[in-house]
C-alpha atoms as a PDB file:
ATOM      1  CA  MET A   1     130.387 -27.116 185.267  1.00  0.00           C
ATOM      2  CA  THR A   2     133.325 -28.175 187.447  1.00  0.00           C
ATOM      3  CA  ARG A   3     135.946 -25.801 188.807  1.00  0.00           C
ATOM      4  CA  LYS A   4     138.492 -27.111 186.358  1.00  0.00           C
ATOM      5  CA  ASP A   5     136.225 -26.253 183.401  1.00  0.00           C
ATOM      6  CA  GLN A   6     135.617 -22.746 184.813  1.00  0.00           C
ATOM      7  CA  LYS A   7     139.382 -22.076 184.923  1.00  0.00           C
ATOM      8  CA  ILE A   8     139.782 -23.205 181.322  1.00  0.00           C
ATOM      9  CA  ARG A   9     136.834 -20.971 180.231  1.00  0.00           C
ATOM     10  CA  GLN A  10     138.252 -18.012 182.169  1.00  0.00           C
ATOM     11  CA  MET A  11     141.662 -18.543 180.606  1.00  0.00           C
ATOM     12  CA  ILE A  12     140.178 -18.566 177.077  1.00  0.00           C
ATOM     13  CA  ILE A  13     137.571 -15.765 177.172  1.00  0.00           C
ATOM     14  CA  GLY A  14     138.828 -13.735 180.160  1.00  0.00           C
ATOM     15  CA  ASP A  15     137.169 -12.497 183.266  1.00  0.00           C
ATOM     16  CA  ILE A  16     134.293 -10.803 181.446  1.00  0.00           C
ATOM     17  CA  GLU A  17     132.647 -12.575 178.619  1.00  0.00           C
ATOM     18  CA  GLY A  18     132.915 -10.742 175.292  1.00  0.00           C
ATOM     19  CA  THR A  19     136.222  -8.919 176.010  1.00  0.00           C
ATOM     20  CA  SER A  20     138.978  -9.091 173.388  1.00  0.00           C
ATOM     21  CA  HIS A  21     142.499 -10.391 173.866  1.00  0.00           C
ATOM     22  CA  ALA A  22     145.717  -9.053 172.452  1.00  0.00           C
ATOM     23  CA  GLN A  23     146.541 -12.390 170.890  1.00  0.00           C
ATOM     24  CA  SER A  24     143.302 -12.963 168.982  1.00  0.00           C
ATOM     25  CA  CYS A  25     139.820 -11.552 168.698  1.00  0.00           C
ATOM     26  CA  PHE A  26     138.510 -15.073 169.312  1.00  0.00           C
ATOM     27  CA  GLY A  27     140.371 -15.574 172.583  1.00  0.00           C
ATOM     28  CA  ALA A  28     143.764 -16.606 173.871  1.00  0.00           C
ATOM     29  CA  PHE A  29     145.810 -19.240 172.126  1.00  0.00           C
ATOM     30  CA  PRO A  30     146.581 -22.482 173.986  1.00  0.00           C
ATOM     31  CA  LYS A  31     149.945 -22.508 175.693  1.00  0.00           C
ATOM     32  CA  GLU A  32     151.456 -25.063 173.364  1.00  0.00           C
ATOM     33  CA  MET A  33     150.542 -22.833 170.331  1.00  0.00           C
ATOM     34  CA  ARG A  34     151.618 -19.466 171.748  1.00  0.00           C
ATOM     35  CA  ALA A  35     154.755 -17.652 170.535  1.00  0.00           C
ATOM     36  CA  THR A  36     157.856 -18.014 172.729  1.00  0.00           C
ATOM     37  CA  ASN A  37     158.636 -14.285 172.832  1.00  0.00           C
ATOM     38  CA  GLU A  38     155.125 -13.264 173.801  1.00  0.00           C
ATOM     39  CA  SER A  39     156.382 -10.296 175.741  1.00  0.00           C
ATOM     40  CA  THR A  40     157.733  -8.589 172.552  1.00  0.00           C
ATOM     41  CA  ILE A  41     154.341  -8.667 170.778  1.00  0.00           C
ATOM     42  CA  LYS A  42     152.646  -5.321 171.060  1.00  0.00           C
ATOM     43  CA  ALA A  43     149.363  -4.137 169.650  1.00  0.00           C
ATOM     44  CA  PRO A  44     149.677  -1.352 166.989  1.00  0.00           C
ATOM     45  CA  PRO A  45     148.851   2.079 168.365  1.00  0.00           C
ATOM     46  CA  LYS A  46     145.475   3.469 167.432  1.00  0.00           C
ATOM     47  CA  ALA A  47     145.590   6.564 165.250  1.00  0.00           C
ATOM     48  CA  SER A  48     143.742   9.593 166.460  1.00  0.00           C
ATOM     49  CA  PRO A  49     140.991  10.764 164.101  1.00  0.00           C
ATOM     50  CA  LEU A  50     142.045  14.399 164.571  1.00  0.00           C
ATOM     51  CA  ALA A  51     145.722  13.856 163.907  1.00  0.00           C
ATOM     52  CA  SER A  52     147.033  14.864 160.439  1.00  0.00           C
ATOM     53  CA  PRO A  53     148.487  12.033 158.334  1.00  0.00           C
ATOM     54  CA  SER A  54     152.226  11.919 158.349  1.00  0.00           C
ATOM     55  CA  LYS A  55     153.938  12.909 155.082  1.00  0.00           C
ATOM     56  CA  PRO A  56     156.056  10.293 153.391  1.00  0.00           C
ATOM     57  CA  LYS A  57     159.741  10.926 153.496  1.00  0.00           C
ATOM     58  CA  GLY A  58     161.771  11.130 150.333  1.00  0.00           C
ATOM     59  CA  ARG A  59     160.907  12.632 146.910  1.00  0.00           C
ATOM     60  CA  LEU A  60     157.522  14.366 146.752  1.00  0.00           C
ATOM     61  CA  LEU A  61     155.309  14.703 143.669  1.00  0.00           C
ATOM     62  CA  LYS A  62     154.167  18.097 142.509  1.00  0.00           C
ATOM     63  CA  ALA A  63     150.734  18.916 141.188  1.00  0.00           C
ATOM     64  CA  HIS A  64     150.026  17.991 137.547  1.00  0.00           C
ATOM     65  CA  THR A  65     153.337  16.125 137.206  1.00  0.00           C
ATOM     66  CA  GLY A  66     152.283  12.532 137.757  1.00  0.00           C
ATOM     67  CA  SER A  67     150.800  10.083 135.300  1.00  0.00           C
ATOM     68  CA  GLY A  68     147.910   8.988 137.458  1.00  0.00           C
ATOM     69  CA  GLY A  69     144.578   8.833 135.694  1.00  0.00           C
ATOM     70  CA  SER A  70     146.115   9.265 132.245  1.00  0.00           C
ATOM     71  CA  PHE A  71     146.284   6.760 129.424  1.00  0.00           C
ATOM     72  CA  SER A  72     148.757   6.130 126.656  1.00  0.00           C
ATOM     73  CA  SER A  73     148.324   4.576 123.219  1.00  0.00           C
ATOM     74  CA  THR A  74     150.682   3.613 120.422  1.00  0.00           C
ATOM     75  CA  LYS A  75     148.119   4.386 117.716  1.00  0.00           C
ATOM     76  CA  LYS A  76     148.883   7.535 115.761  1.00  0.00           C
ATOM     77  CA  GLY A  77     145.971   9.905 115.489  1.00  0.00           C
ATOM     78  CA  SER A  78     144.820  11.435 112.208  1.00  0.00           C
ATOM     79  CA  ALA A  79     146.199  14.826 111.340  1.00  0.00           C
ATOM     80  CA  PRO A  80     143.746  17.718 111.645  1.00  0.00           C
ATOM     81  CA  VAL A  81     142.090  18.750 108.417  1.00  0.00           C
ATOM     82  CA  GLN A  82     143.425  22.101 107.247  1.00  0.00           C
ATOM     83  CA  THR A  83     140.923  23.962 105.102  1.00  0.00           C
ATOM     84  CA  PRO A  84     142.555  25.958 102.299  1.00  0.00           C
ATOM     85  CA  PRO A  85     141.963  29.703 102.174  1.00  0.00           C
ATOM     86  CA  PRO A  86     138.914  30.785 100.175  1.00  0.00           C
ATOM     87  CA  LYS A  87     139.345  31.710  96.530  1.00  0.00           C
ATOM     88  CA  CYS A  88     138.588  35.181  95.275  1.00  0.00           C
ATOM     89  CA  HIS A  89     137.359  33.975  91.832  1.00  0.00           C
ATOM     90  CA  VAL A  90     138.765  37.034  90.097  1.00  0.00           C
ATOM     91  CA  PHE A  91     138.405  35.444  86.640  1.00  0.00           C
ATOM     92  CA  ARG A  92     134.913  34.048  87.207  1.00  0.00           C
ATOM     93  CA  LYS A  93     132.155  35.302  84.941  1.00  0.00           C
ATOM     94  CA  ARG A  94     129.635  37.615  86.543  1.00  0.00           C
ATOM     95  CA  LYS A  95     125.907  37.462  86.003  1.00  0.00           C
ATOM     96  CA  VAL A  96     124.809  39.654  83.102  1.00  0.00           C
ATOM     97  CA  ALA A  97     121.793  41.776  83.953  1.00  0.00           C
ATOM     98  CA  PRO A  98     119.303  42.738  81.215  1.00  0.00           C
ATOM     99  CA  SER A  99     120.307  45.972  79.531  1.00  0.00           C
ATOM    100  CA  GLU A 100     118.348  49.098  78.701  1.00  0.00           C
ATOM    101  CA  PHE A 101     118.777  48.254  75.037  1.00  0.00           C
ATOM    102  CA  ARG A 102     116.623  45.139  75.441  1.00  0.00           C
ATOM    103  CA  ARG A 103     113.886  47.092  77.204  1.00  0.00           C
ATOM    104  CA  PHE A 104     113.808  49.801  74.520  1.00  0.00           C
ATOM    105  CA  TYR A 105     113.876  47.269  71.693  1.00  0.00           C
ATOM    106  CA  GLU A 106     111.050  45.156  73.102  1.00  0.00           C
ATOM    107  CA  ARG A 107     109.007  48.306  73.625  1.00  0.00           C
ATOM    108  CA  GLY A 108     109.600  49.391  70.013  1.00  0.00           C
ATOM    109  CA  ASP A 109     111.334  52.662  70.851  1.00  0.00           C
ATOM    110  CA  LEU A 110     114.457  52.094  68.714  1.00  0.00           C
ATOM    111  CA  PRO A 111     114.442  53.319  65.080  1.00  0.00           C
ATOM    112  CA  MET A 112     115.925  50.099  63.708  1.00  0.00           C
ATOM    113  CA  LYS A 113     114.703  46.683  62.643  1.00  0.00           C
ATOM    114  CA  ILE A 114     115.866  43.499  60.947  1.00  0.00           C
ATOM    115  CA  LEU A 115     115.107  43.200  57.254  1.00  0.00           C
ATOM    116  CA  HIS A 116     114.725  39.579  56.179  1.00  0.00           C
ATOM    117  CA  LEU A 117     115.752  39.028  52.548  1.00  0.00           C
ATOM    118  CA  PRO A 118     114.443  35.770  51.067  1.00  0.00           C
ATOM    119  CA  GLN A 119     116.588  36.126  47.937  1.00  0.00           C
ATOM    120  CA  ASN A 120     119.977  35.349  49.458  1.00  0.00           C
ATOM    121  CA  GLY A 121     118.940  34.316  52.963  1.00  0.00           C
ATOM    122  CA  MET A 122     120.921  37.189  54.525  1.00  0.00           C
ATOM    123  CA  ASN A 123     119.409  39.524  57.099  1.00  0.00           C
ATOM    124  CA  GLN A 124     120.195  43.227  57.232  1.00  0.00           C
ATOM    125  CA  VAL A 125     119.735  45.947  59.828  1.00  0.00           C
ATOM    126  CA  THR A 126     117.738  48.890  58.539  1.00  0.00           C
ATOM    127  CA  TRP A 127     117.015  52.258  60.130  1.00  0.00           C
ATOM    128  CA  SER A 128     113.649  53.933  60.018  1.00  0.00           C
ATOM    129  CA  VAL A 129     115.386  57.327  60.416  1.00  0.00           C
ATOM    130  CA  GLU A 130     118.633  58.519  58.921  1.00  0.00           C
ATOM    131  CA  VAL A 131     121.506  57.883  61.308  1.00  0.00           C
ATOM    132  CA  ASP A 132     122.875  61.405  60.943  1.00  0.00           C
ATOM    133  CA  LYS A 133     119.636  62.881  62.260  1.00  0.00           C
ATOM    134  CA  LEU A 134     119.461  60.769  65.451  1.00  0.00           C
ATOM    135  CA  ASP A 135     119.916  62.257  68.888  1.00  0.00           C
ATOM    136  CA  TYR A 136     123.294  60.790  69.916  1.00  0.00           C
ATOM    137  CA  HIS A 137     122.922  61.901  73.518  1.00  0.00           C
ATOM    138  CA  HIS A 138     119.904  59.621  73.810  1.00  0.00           C
ATOM    139  CA  TYR A 139     120.578  56.660  71.503  1.00  0.00           C
ATOM    140  CA  LEU A 140     124.340  56.098  71.625  1.00  0.00           C
ATOM    141  CA  PRO A 141     124.473  55.262  75.399  1.00  0.00           C
ATOM    142  CA  ILE A 142     121.539  52.867  74.912  1.00  0.00           C
ATOM    143  CA  PHE A 143     123.335  51.002  72.118  1.00  0.00           C
ATOM    144  CA  PHE A 144     126.559  50.863  74.150  1.00  0.00           C
ATOM    145  CA  ASP A 145     124.577  49.427  77.052  1.00  0.00           C
ATOM    146  CA  GLY A 146     123.469  46.579  74.771  1.00  0.00           C
ATOM    147  CA  ILE A 147     127.052  45.426  74.146  1.00  0.00           C
ATOM    148  CA  ARG A 148     126.861  43.095  77.163  1.00  0.00           C
ATOM    149  CA  GLU A 149     123.884  41.184  75.746  1.00  0.00           C
ATOM    150  CA  THR A 150     124.558  37.545  74.872  1.00  0.00           C
ATOM    151  CA  GLU A 151     121.167  36.624  73.387  1.00  0.00           C
ATOM    152  CA  GLU A 152     120.016  37.207  69.852  1.00  0.00           C
ATOM    153  CA  PRO A 153     118.864  39.432  68.236  1.00  0.00           C
ATOM    154  CA  TYR A 154     119.843  41.945  70.937  1.00  0.00           C
ATOM    155  CA  ARG A 155     123.583  41.266  70.648  1.00  0.00           C
ATOM    156  CA  THR A 156     123.760  41.644  66.871  1.00  0.00           C
ATOM    157  CA  LEU A 157     121.541  44.715  66.767  1.00  0.00           C
ATOM    158  CA  ALA A 158     123.491  46.450  69.536  1.00  0.00           C
ATOM    159  CA  LEU A 159     126.905  45.789  67.973  1.00  0.00           C
ATOM    160  CA  ARG A 160     125.881  46.808  64.463  1.00  0.00           C
ATOM    161  CA  GLY A 161     124.111  49.869  65.796  1.00  0.00           C
ATOM    162  CA  VAL A 162     127.190  50.975  67.749  1.00  0.00           C
ATOM    163  CA  HIS A 163     129.455  50.511  64.740  1.00  0.00           C
ATOM    164  CA  GLN A 164     127.200  52.467  62.397  1.00  0.00           C
ATOM    165  CA  LEU A 165     126.538  55.267  64.866  1.00  0.00           C
ATOM    166  CA  ILE A 166     130.258  55.682  65.594  1.00  0.00           C
ATOM    167  CA  ASP A 167     131.327  55.559  61.959  1.00  0.00           C
ATOM    168  CA  ARG A 168     128.782  58.140  60.782  1.00  0.00           C
ATOM    169  CA  GLY A 169     128.648  60.378  63.841  1.00  0.00           C
ATOM    170  CA  GLY A 170     132.406  60.561  64.353  1.00  0.00           C
ATOM    171  CA  ARG A 171     132.927  62.512  61.158  1.00  0.00           C
ATOM    172  CA  LEU A 172     130.195  64.959  62.130  1.00  0.00           C
ATOM    173  CA  GLY A 173     131.532  65.568  65.629  1.00  0.00           C
ATOM    174  CA  LYS A 174     128.485  64.105  67.394  1.00  0.00           C
ATOM    175  CA  VAL A 175     130.368  61.434  69.365  1.00  0.00           C
ATOM    176  CA  LEU A 176     132.768  63.635  71.357  1.00  0.00           C
ATOM    177  CA  PRO A 177     130.106  65.384  73.518  1.00  0.00           C
ATOM    178  CA  VAL A 178     128.587  61.986  74.418  1.00  0.00           C
ATOM    179  CA  VAL A 179     131.853  60.390  75.675  1.00  0.00           C
ATOM    180  CA  PRO A 180     131.132  60.957  79.437  1.00  0.00           C
ATOM    181  CA  GLN A 181     127.798  59.132  79.069  1.00  0.00           C
ATOM    182  CA  LEU A 182     129.511  56.095  77.514  1.00  0.00           C
ATOM    183  CA  ILE A 183     131.818  55.354  80.469  1.00  0.00           C
ATOM    184  CA  ILE A 184     129.265  53.562  82.646  1.00  0.00           C
ATOM    185  CA  PRO A 185     127.981  51.215  79.859  1.00  0.00           C
ATOM    186  CA  ILE A 186     131.565  50.342  78.855  1.00  0.00           C
ATOM    187  CA  LYS A 187     132.591  49.757  82.475  1.00  0.00           C
ATOM    188  CA  THR A 188     129.520  47.571  83.097  1.00  0.00           C
ATOM    189  CA  ALA A 189     130.299  45.453  80.036  1.00  0.00           C
ATOM    190  CA  LEU A 190     133.934  44.980  81.122  1.00  0.00           C
ATOM    191  CA  ASN A 191     132.924  44.060  84.678  1.00  0.00           C
ATOM    192  CA  THR A 192     130.965  41.040  83.448  1.00  0.00           C
ATOM    193  CA  ARG A 193     134.400  39.376  82.971  1.00  0.00           C
ATOM    194  CA  ASN A 194     132.959  37.331  80.155  1.00  0.00           C
ATOM    195  CA  PRO A 195     135.707  36.877  77.520  1.00  0.00           C
ATOM    196  CA  ALA A 196     133.288  37.210  74.596  1.00  0.00           C
ATOM    197  CA  ILE A 197     131.731  40.404  75.970  1.00  0.00           C
ATOM    198  CA  ILE A 198     135.125  41.902  76.863  1.00  0.00           C
ATOM    199  CA  CYS A 199     136.467  41.285  73.356  1.00  0.00           C
ATOM    200  CA  GLU A 200     133.452  42.935  71.730  1.00  0.00           C
ATOM    201  CA  THR A 201     133.707  45.877  74.133  1.00  0.00           C
ATOM    202  CA  LEU A 202     137.387  46.394  73.328  1.00  0.00           C
ATOM    203  CA  GLU A 203     136.637  46.349  69.615  1.00  0.00           C
ATOM    204  CA  CYS A 204     134.001  49.037  70.124  1.00  0.00           C
ATOM    205  CA  LEU A 205     136.397  51.036  72.292  1.00  0.00           C
ATOM    206  CA  LYS A 206     139.095  50.981  69.597  1.00  0.00           C
ATOM    207  CA  ARG A 207     136.573  52.073  66.989  1.00  0.00           C
ATOM    208  CA  LEU A 208     135.375  54.845  69.313  1.00  0.00           C
ATOM    209  CA  VAL A 209     138.892  56.264  69.781  1.00  0.00           C
ATOM    210  CA  ARG A 210     139.627  56.237  66.049  1.00  0.00           C
ATOM    211  CA  CYS A 211     136.350  57.728  64.872  1.00  0.00           C
ATOM    212  CA  GLY A 212     137.227  61.343  65.627  1.00  0.00           C
ATOM    213  CA  ASP A 213     139.751  63.800  66.995  1.00  0.00           C
ATOM    214  CA  LEU A 214     140.164  64.509  70.693  1.00  0.00           C
ATOM    215  CA  ILE A 215     138.104  61.444  71.700  1.00  0.00           C
ATOM    216  CA  GLY A 216     141.225  59.632  72.926  1.00  0.00           C
ATOM    217  CA  GLU A 217     142.188  62.639  75.056  1.00  0.00           C
ATOM    218  CA  ALA A 218     138.649  62.868  76.403  1.00  0.00           C
ATOM    219  CA  LEU A 219     138.943  59.268  77.702  1.00  0.00           C
ATOM    220  CA  VAL A 220     142.125  59.921  79.740  1.00  0.00           C
ATOM    221  CA  PRO A 221     140.287  61.129  82.904  1.00  0.00           C
ATOM    222  CA  TYR A 222     138.231  57.901  82.861  1.00  0.00           C
ATOM    223  CA  TYR A 223     141.134  55.430  82.752  1.00  0.00           C
ATOM    224  CA  ARG A 224     140.576  54.544  86.406  1.00  0.00           C
ATOM    225  CA  GLN A 225     137.126  53.214  85.509  1.00  0.00           C
ATOM    226  CA  LEU A 226     138.130  51.379  82.320  1.00  0.00           C
ATOM    227  CA  LEU A 227     141.614  49.947  82.907  1.00  0.00           C
ATOM    228  CA  PRO A 228     141.331  47.853  86.145  1.00  0.00           C
ATOM    229  CA  ILE A 229     139.620  44.976  84.321  1.00  0.00           C
ATOM    230  CA  MET A 230     142.217  45.174  81.546  1.00  0.00           C
ATOM    231  CA  ASN A 231     144.937  44.867  84.183  1.00  0.00           C
ATOM    232  CA  ILE A 232     143.408  41.561  85.330  1.00  0.00           C
ATOM    233  CA  PHE A 233     143.248  39.994  81.853  1.00  0.00           C
ATOM    234  CA  VAL A 234     146.299  41.615  80.247  1.00  0.00           C
ATOM    235  CA  THR A 235     148.321  38.396  80.620  1.00  0.00           C
ATOM    236  CA  THR A 236     145.521  36.083  79.474  1.00  0.00           C
ATOM    237  CA  THR A 237     147.052  34.763  76.279  1.00  0.00           C
ATOM    238  CA  LYS A 238     147.094  31.323  74.695  1.00  0.00           C
ATOM    239  CA  ASN A 239     150.279  29.339  75.237  1.00  0.00           C
ATOM    240  CA  MET A 240     150.394  27.439  71.944  1.00  0.00           C
ATOM    241  CA  GLY A 241     154.081  26.521  72.010  1.00  0.00           C
ATOM    242  CA  ASP A 242     155.243  25.921  68.437  1.00  0.00           C
ATOM    243  CA  GLN A 243     151.693  25.376  67.142  1.00  0.00           C
ATOM    244  CA  ILE A 244     149.670  27.734  64.966  1.00  0.00           C
ATOM    245  CA  ASP A 245     146.560  29.464  66.244  1.00  0.00           C
ATOM    246  CA  TYR A 246     144.289  29.497  63.220  1.00  0.00           C
ATOM    247  CA  ALA A 247     141.681  31.515  65.137  1.00  0.00           C
ATOM    248  CA  GLN A 248     143.909  34.580  65.385  1.00  0.00           C
ATOM    249  CA  ARG A 249     142.215  36.043  62.318  1.00  0.00           C
ATOM    250  CA  LYS A 250     139.145  36.538  64.517  1.00  0.00           C
ATOM    251  CA  ASN A 251     141.255  38.620  66.929  1.00  0.00           C
ATOM    252  CA  ARG A 252     139.766  37.018  70.051  1.00  0.00           C
ATOM    253  CA  ASP A 253     142.965  36.497  72.038  1.00  0.00           C
ATOM    254  CA  MET A 254     142.163  38.672  75.039  1.00  0.00           C
ATOM    255  CA  GLY A 255     145.746  39.498  76.036  1.00  0.00           C
ATOM    256  CA  VAL A 256     146.697  40.582  72.504  1.00  0.00           C
ATOM    257  CA  LEU A 257     143.474  42.542  72.111  1.00  0.00           C
ATOM    258  CA  ILE A 258     144.044  44.407  75.390  1.00  0.00           C
ATOM    259  CA  ASN A 259     147.591  45.344  74.366  1.00  0.00           C
ATOM    260  CA  ASP A 260     146.331  46.636  71.004  1.00  0.00           C
ATOM    261  CA  THR A 261     143.663  48.696  72.757  1.00  0.00           C
ATOM    262  CA  LEU A 262     146.188  50.193  75.197  1.00  0.00           C
ATOM    263  CA  GLN A 263     148.504  51.146  72.348  1.00  0.00           C
ATOM    264  CA  ILE A 264     145.658  52.893  70.516  1.00  0.00           C
ATOM    265  CA  LEU A 265     144.707  54.731  73.721  1.00  0.00           C
ATOM    266  CA  GLU A 266     148.311  55.875  74.151  1.00  0.00           C
ATOM    267  CA  GLN A 267     148.668  57.005  70.545  1.00  0.00           C
ATOM    268  CA  HIS A 268     145.466  59.068  70.616  1.00  0.00           C
ATOM    269  CA  GLY A 269     145.483  60.103  74.280  1.00  0.00           C
ATOM    270  CA  GLY A 270     148.044  62.872  74.195  1.00  0.00           C
ATOM    271  CA  VAL A 271     151.030  63.463  76.454  1.00  0.00           C
ATOM    272  CA  ASP A 272     149.310  62.302  79.659  1.00  0.00           C
ATOM    273  CA  ALA A 273     148.062  58.983  78.284  1.00  0.00           C
ATOM    274  CA  PHE A 274     151.140  56.843  78.955  1.00  0.00           C
ATOM    275  CA  ILE A 275     151.678  57.895  82.576  1.00  0.00           C
ATOM    276  CA  ASN A 276     148.013  57.228  83.382  1.00  0.00           C
ATOM    277  CA  ILE A 277     148.072  53.836  81.663  1.00  0.00           C
ATOM    278  CA  LYS A 278     151.319  52.943  83.460  1.00  0.00           C
ATOM    279  CA  TYR A 279     149.750  53.888  86.781  1.00  0.00           C
ATOM    280  CA  MET A 280     146.835  51.479  86.277  1.00  0.00           C
ATOM    281  CA  ILE A 281     148.736  48.718  84.397  1.00  0.00           C
ATOM    282  CA  PRO A 282     152.357  48.623  85.628  1.00  0.00           C
ATOM    283  CA  THR A 283     153.408  45.934  83.132  1.00  0.00           C
ATOM    284  CA  TYR A 284     152.520  48.044  80.104  1.00  0.00           C
ATOM    285  CA  GLU A 285     155.408  49.281  77.948  1.00  0.00           C
ATOM    286  CA  SER A 286     155.099  52.341  75.762  1.00  0.00           C
ATOM    287  CA  CYS A 287     154.804  51.978  72.013  1.00  0.00           C
ATOM    288  CA  VAL A 288     155.577  55.659  71.371  1.00  0.00           C
ATOM    289  CA  LEU A 289     158.698  56.379  73.423  1.00  0.00           C
END
């Protein structure tokens, strides 16, 4: 290599081979390609690894105020499903448990039976003992407990037995001492909330109040057990408009039947009957005052 080539090599790569130049990492530019104001070109200062980064001047962002990392969409989301509050089912029928009347009848402990008459095809209820000689403290609560039966022949036997026992024993004064034992069977029948059972129970209750003296007054202390269910169904009447309800002869409109029962209780319950009925059924209006 001639001396002229060594000068050119030294000018390009420097004194020590492998050193870098300020103009380029590959060496110095030829003179004809260098910038005219070469003296103004300075290498950027190297940042110290321990020095803290300088804060940008101007408006600063606060935490949780920017939109970085978030996304936006023009699609409208579905509204959350709002579940309605649960229903109390106050008018729903309750399950009717088997009564004591069914157990006694199936065991053959009741002094009554069905007499089948082939002549006219009608069946009758007969007693093996005279009704006046029966122990009302034992049999009358059992027959009242069978009012809530919906199957035959238990329903028919219980209703006819109650009617006959009340009609015959009321005149003899045998029903009045048994009134406290009849509250639980009547309350159980009303709590079934079955319209058919409630109507039959109210019919028996009206017959019970009318069968003898002082029975209506004896029921006044038990209004808190008997009247709450009547308060629920007192407004349950048929809205027929200008039509005619041909089934009213059966007297199975629950609202009308409850009002009739309350009026009978007030008429036979003495001076304290109305205030106790009004306390349990605020919408009731007196039929005596």
